[in-house]
Amino acid sequence: MGAPVSAGILEAAVYVEDLDATEAFYGGLLGLERITRRDGRHVFFRCGEGVILTFIAEATRQPPDDPAALPVPPHGAVGPGHVCLAAQAEELNEWERHLRDNNVEIEADFFWPNGARSIYLRDPAGNSVEIADKTLWRRA
């Protein structure tokens, strides 16, 4: 028997060092809605139908204070991660201008063989952030 079909990605996590810089980047520069913040641990942002979780890795490696109330196992990562925001193809020129107007270095800007465009930049913690045409992974 095969696995049930997933309905999609609900959340993705990246690990950061400075929550103020993280909030300025994801909330300010990228315009994502902040859902919640717990100083010293995390800031969560709404991104379309999903959520981007930004954690301070050391804090998430610690077991929860009350495992009965929050039975989430410790986790965390070392090194830069990656997250990709979906955009309409016609919005990518606007994103490029917005990033350049805010003096954000664009690490890469190119078209994939299927014609979808991706723009890559880095968040303050060094994570790779991609803004891509939402058709990038669409089935043929």
C-alpha atoms as a PDB file:
ATOM      1  CA  MET A   1       0.000   0.000   0.000  1.00  0.00           C
ATOM      2  CA  GLY A   2       1.381   3.407  -0.971  1.00  0.00           C
ATOM      3  CA  ALA A   3       1.543   6.535   1.113  1.00  0.00           C
ATOM      4  CA  PRO A   4      -1.449   8.892   1.139  1.00  0.00           C
ATOM      5  CA  VAL A   5      -1.138  11.884  -1.184  1.00  0.00           C
ATOM      6  CA  SER A   6       0.115  15.039   0.510  1.00  0.00           C
ATOM      7  CA  ALA A   7      -1.950  18.202   0.162  1.00  0.00           C
ATOM      8  CA  GLY A   8       1.214  20.315  -0.108  1.00  0.00           C
ATOM      9  CA  ILE A   9       3.809  21.962   2.098  1.00  0.00           C
ATOM     10  CA  LEU A  10       2.262  23.619   5.104  1.00  0.00           C
ATOM     11  CA  GLU A  11       5.420  25.110   6.578  1.00  0.00           C
ATOM     12  CA  ALA A  12       9.134  25.392   5.950  1.00  0.00           C
ATOM     13  CA  ALA A  13      11.835  26.375   8.435  1.00  0.00           C
ATOM     14  CA  VAL A  14      15.056  28.333   8.138  1.00  0.00           C
ATOM     15  CA  TYR A  15      17.449  28.961  10.974  1.00  0.00           C
ATOM     16  CA  VAL A  16      18.578  32.468  11.826  1.00  0.00           C
ATOM     17  CA  GLU A  17      20.664  34.339  14.381  1.00  0.00           C
ATOM     18  CA  ASP A  18      19.018  37.759  14.800  1.00  0.00           C
ATOM     19  CA  LEU A  19      15.224  37.963  15.089  1.00  0.00           C
ATOM     20  CA  ASP A  20      15.117  41.742  14.580  1.00  0.00           C
ATOM     21  CA  ALA A  21      17.079  41.464  11.307  1.00  0.00           C
ATOM     22  CA  THR A  22      14.952  38.466  10.327  1.00  0.00           C
ATOM     23  CA  GLU A  23      11.736  40.367  10.951  1.00  0.00           C
ATOM     24  CA  ALA A  24      13.011  43.388   8.996  1.00  0.00           C
ATOM     25  CA  PHE A  25      13.876  41.103   6.067  1.00  0.00           C
ATOM     26  CA  TYR A  26      10.873  38.761   5.877  1.00  0.00           C
ATOM     27  CA  GLY A  27       8.275  41.148   7.287  1.00  0.00           C
ATOM     28  CA  GLY A  28       9.652  44.450   6.028  1.00  0.00           C
ATOM     29  CA  LEU A  29      11.504  43.804   2.768  1.00  0.00           C
ATOM     30  CA  LEU A  30       9.494  40.781   1.589  1.00  0.00           C
ATOM     31  CA  GLY A  31       6.203  42.036   3.045  1.00  0.00           C
ATOM     32  CA  LEU A  32       5.202  38.779   4.748  1.00  0.00           C
ATOM     33  CA  GLU A  33       2.666  38.988   7.557  1.00  0.00           C
ATOM     34  CA  ARG A  34       4.102  38.192  10.984  1.00  0.00           C
ATOM     35  CA  ILE A  35       2.039  35.550  12.763  1.00  0.00           C
ATOM     36  CA  THR A  36       3.905  35.361  16.040  1.00  0.00           C
ATOM     37  CA  ARG A  37       7.246  36.088  17.653  1.00  0.00           C
ATOM     38  CA  ARG A  38       8.881  34.614  20.720  1.00  0.00           C
ATOM     39  CA  ASP A  39      12.029  36.551  21.573  1.00  0.00           C
ATOM     40  CA  GLY A  40      15.093  34.363  21.773  1.00  0.00           C
ATOM     41  CA  ARG A  41      13.408  31.558  19.798  1.00  0.00           C
ATOM     42  CA  HIS A  42      11.405  32.317  16.645  1.00  0.00           C
ATOM     43  CA  VAL A  43       9.353  34.521  14.319  1.00  0.00           C
ATOM     44  CA  PHE A  44       6.707  32.923  12.077  1.00  0.00           C
ATOM     45  CA  PHE A  45       5.441  34.508   8.835  1.00  0.00           C
ATOM     46  CA  ARG A  46       2.445  33.805   6.613  1.00  0.00           C
ATOM     47  CA  CYS A  47       3.461  33.121   3.010  1.00  0.00           C
ATOM     48  CA  GLY A  48       0.481  32.470   0.764  1.00  0.00           C
ATOM     49  CA  GLU A  49      -1.234  29.329   2.022  1.00  0.00           C
ATOM     50  CA  GLY A  50       1.877  28.252   3.952  1.00  0.00           C
ATOM     51  CA  VAL A  51       4.098  29.501   6.722  1.00  0.00           C
ATOM     52  CA  ILE A  52       7.813  30.281   6.928  1.00  0.00           C
ATOM     53  CA  LEU A  53       9.160  29.441  10.364  1.00  0.00           C
ATOM     54  CA  THR A  54      12.363  31.265  11.297  1.00  0.00           C
ATOM     55  CA  PHE A  55      14.055  29.762  14.327  1.00  0.00           C
ATOM     56  CA  ILE A  56      17.174  30.380  16.328  1.00  0.00           C
ATOM     57  CA  ALA A  57      18.594  26.859  16.010  1.00  0.00           C
ATOM     58  CA  GLU A  58      20.111  26.668  19.501  1.00  0.00           C
ATOM     59  CA  ALA A  59      16.736  27.470  21.064  1.00  0.00           C
ATOM     60  CA  THR A  60      14.928  24.756  19.081  1.00  0.00           C
ATOM     61  CA  ARG A  61      17.516  22.134  20.031  1.00  0.00           C
ATOM     62  CA  GLN A  62      16.322  22.423  23.618  1.00  0.00           C
ATOM     63  CA  PRO A  63      13.361  20.273  24.665  1.00  0.00           C
ATOM     64  CA  PRO A  64      10.175  22.251  25.354  1.00  0.00           C
ATOM     65  CA  ASP A  65       9.656  23.578  28.876  1.00  0.00           C
ATOM     66  CA  ASP A  66       6.362  21.690  29.096  1.00  0.00           C
ATOM     67  CA  PRO A  67       6.404  18.669  26.759  1.00  0.00           C
ATOM     68  CA  ALA A  68       2.764  17.897  27.600  1.00  0.00           C
ATOM     69  CA  ALA A  69       1.663  21.331  26.357  1.00  0.00           C
ATOM     70  CA  LEU A  70       4.042  21.428  23.370  1.00  0.00           C
ATOM     71  CA  PRO A  71       5.096  17.888  22.385  1.00  0.00           C
ATOM     72  CA  VAL A  72       7.370  19.027  19.527  1.00  0.00           C
ATOM     73  CA  PRO A  73      10.708  17.198  19.467  1.00  0.00           C
ATOM     74  CA  PRO A  74      13.907  19.259  19.497  1.00  0.00           C
ATOM     75  CA  HIS A  75      15.242  20.117  16.041  1.00  0.00           C
ATOM     76  CA  GLY A  76      17.558  22.577  14.330  1.00  0.00           C
ATOM     77  CA  ALA A  77      20.027  22.806  11.499  1.00  0.00           C
ATOM     78  CA  VAL A  78      23.545  24.033  10.906  1.00  0.00           C
ATOM     79  CA  GLY A  79      24.461  26.079   7.852  1.00  0.00           C
ATOM     80  CA  PRO A  80      22.415  27.995   5.356  1.00  0.00           C
ATOM     81  CA  GLY A  81      19.057  26.668   4.214  1.00  0.00           C
ATOM     82  CA  HIS A  82      16.786  27.539   1.338  1.00  0.00           C
ATOM     83  CA  VAL A  83      13.233  28.786   0.931  1.00  0.00           C
ATOM     84  CA  CYS A  84      11.405  29.780  -2.250  1.00  0.00           C
ATOM     85  CA  LEU A  85       8.540  32.260  -2.511  1.00  0.00           C
ATOM     86  CA  ALA A  86       6.139  31.865  -5.425  1.00  0.00           C
ATOM     87  CA  ALA A  87       5.293  34.844  -7.610  1.00  0.00           C
ATOM     88  CA  GLN A  88       3.352  35.503 -10.774  1.00  0.00           C
ATOM     89  CA  ALA A  89       5.735  35.623 -13.756  1.00  0.00           C
ATOM     90  CA  GLU A  90       4.704  39.205 -14.513  1.00  0.00           C
ATOM     91  CA  GLU A  91       5.590  40.284 -10.939  1.00  0.00           C
ATOM     92  CA  LEU A  92       9.245  39.223 -11.123  1.00  0.00           C
ATOM     93  CA  ASN A  93      10.400  42.457 -12.801  1.00  0.00           C
ATOM     94  CA  GLU A  94       8.662  44.330  -9.988  1.00  0.00           C
ATOM     95  CA  TRP A  95      10.437  42.133  -7.412  1.00  0.00           C
ATOM     96  CA  GLU A  96      13.784  42.788  -9.118  1.00  0.00           C
ATOM     97  CA  ARG A  97      13.208  46.574  -8.990  1.00  0.00           C
ATOM     98  CA  HIS A  98      12.063  46.383  -5.360  1.00  0.00           C
ATOM     99  CA  LEU A  99      15.172  44.459  -4.317  1.00  0.00           C
ATOM    100  CA  ARG A 100      17.531  46.776  -6.204  1.00  0.00           C
ATOM    101  CA  ASP A 101      15.733  49.865  -4.831  1.00  0.00           C
ATOM    102  CA  ASN A 102      16.385  48.469  -1.334  1.00  0.00           C
ATOM    103  CA  ASN A 103      20.057  47.753  -2.074  1.00  0.00           C
ATOM    104  CA  VAL A 104      19.586  43.998  -1.809  1.00  0.00           C
ATOM    105  CA  GLU A 105      22.215  42.031  -3.698  1.00  0.00           C
ATOM    106  CA  ILE A 106      20.689  39.683  -6.241  1.00  0.00           C
ATOM    107  CA  GLU A 107      22.843  36.585  -6.232  1.00  0.00           C
ATOM    108  CA  ALA A 108      21.343  35.056  -9.381  1.00  0.00           C
ATOM    109  CA  ASP A 109      18.544  35.911 -11.805  1.00  0.00           C
ATOM    110  CA  PHE A 110      17.868  33.466 -14.611  1.00  0.00           C
ATOM    111  CA  PHE A 111      15.344  31.473 -16.612  1.00  0.00           C
ATOM    112  CA  TRP A 112      15.063  27.712 -16.214  1.00  0.00           C
ATOM    113  CA  PRO A 113      14.806  25.448 -19.299  1.00  0.00           C
ATOM    114  CA  ASN A 114      10.988  25.436 -18.924  1.00  0.00           C
ATOM    115  CA  GLY A 115      10.960  29.267 -19.136  1.00  0.00           C
ATOM    116  CA  ALA A 116      10.272  29.934 -15.441  1.00  0.00           C
ATOM    117  CA  ARG A 117      12.374  32.684 -13.866  1.00  0.00           C
ATOM    118  CA  SER A 118      14.097  32.605 -10.459  1.00  0.00           C
ATOM    119  CA  ILE A 119      15.673  35.444  -8.494  1.00  0.00           C
ATOM    120  CA  TYR A 120      18.011  34.462  -5.646  1.00  0.00           C
ATOM    121  CA  LEU A 121      19.136  36.559  -2.679  1.00  0.00           C
ATOM    122  CA  ARG A 122      20.317  35.955   0.898  1.00  0.00           C
ATOM    123  CA  ASP A 123      18.555  36.706   4.172  1.00  0.00           C
ATOM    124  CA  PRO A 124      20.559  38.260   7.029  1.00  0.00           C
ATOM    125  CA  ALA A 125      21.505  34.779   8.327  1.00  0.00           C
ATOM    126  CA  GLY A 126      22.871  33.691   4.935  1.00  0.00           C
ATOM    127  CA  ASN A 127      19.926  31.486   3.947  1.00  0.00           C
ATOM    128  CA  SER A 128      19.223  31.292   0.228  1.00  0.00           C
ATOM    129  CA  VAL A 129      15.900  32.951  -0.583  1.00  0.00           C
ATOM    130  CA  GLU A 130      14.443  32.406  -4.028  1.00  0.00           C
ATOM    131  CA  ILE A 131      11.535  34.273  -5.564  1.00  0.00           C
ATOM    132  CA  ALA A 132      10.338  32.211  -8.513  1.00  0.00           C
ATOM    133  CA  ASP A 133       7.650  32.041 -11.129  1.00  0.00           C
ATOM    134  CA  LYS A 134       5.023  29.853  -9.521  1.00  0.00           C
ATOM    135  CA  THR A 135       4.976  27.668 -12.646  1.00  0.00           C
ATOM    136  CA  LEU A 136       8.562  26.502 -12.015  1.00  0.00           C
ATOM    137  CA  TRP A 137       7.579  23.015 -10.843  1.00  0.00           C
ATOM    138  CA  ARG A 138       4.311  22.717 -12.762  1.00  0.00           C
ATOM    139  CA  ARG A 139       3.877  19.381 -14.494  1.00  0.00           C
ATOM    140  CA  ALA A 140       3.966  19.417 -18.266  1.00  0.00           C
END
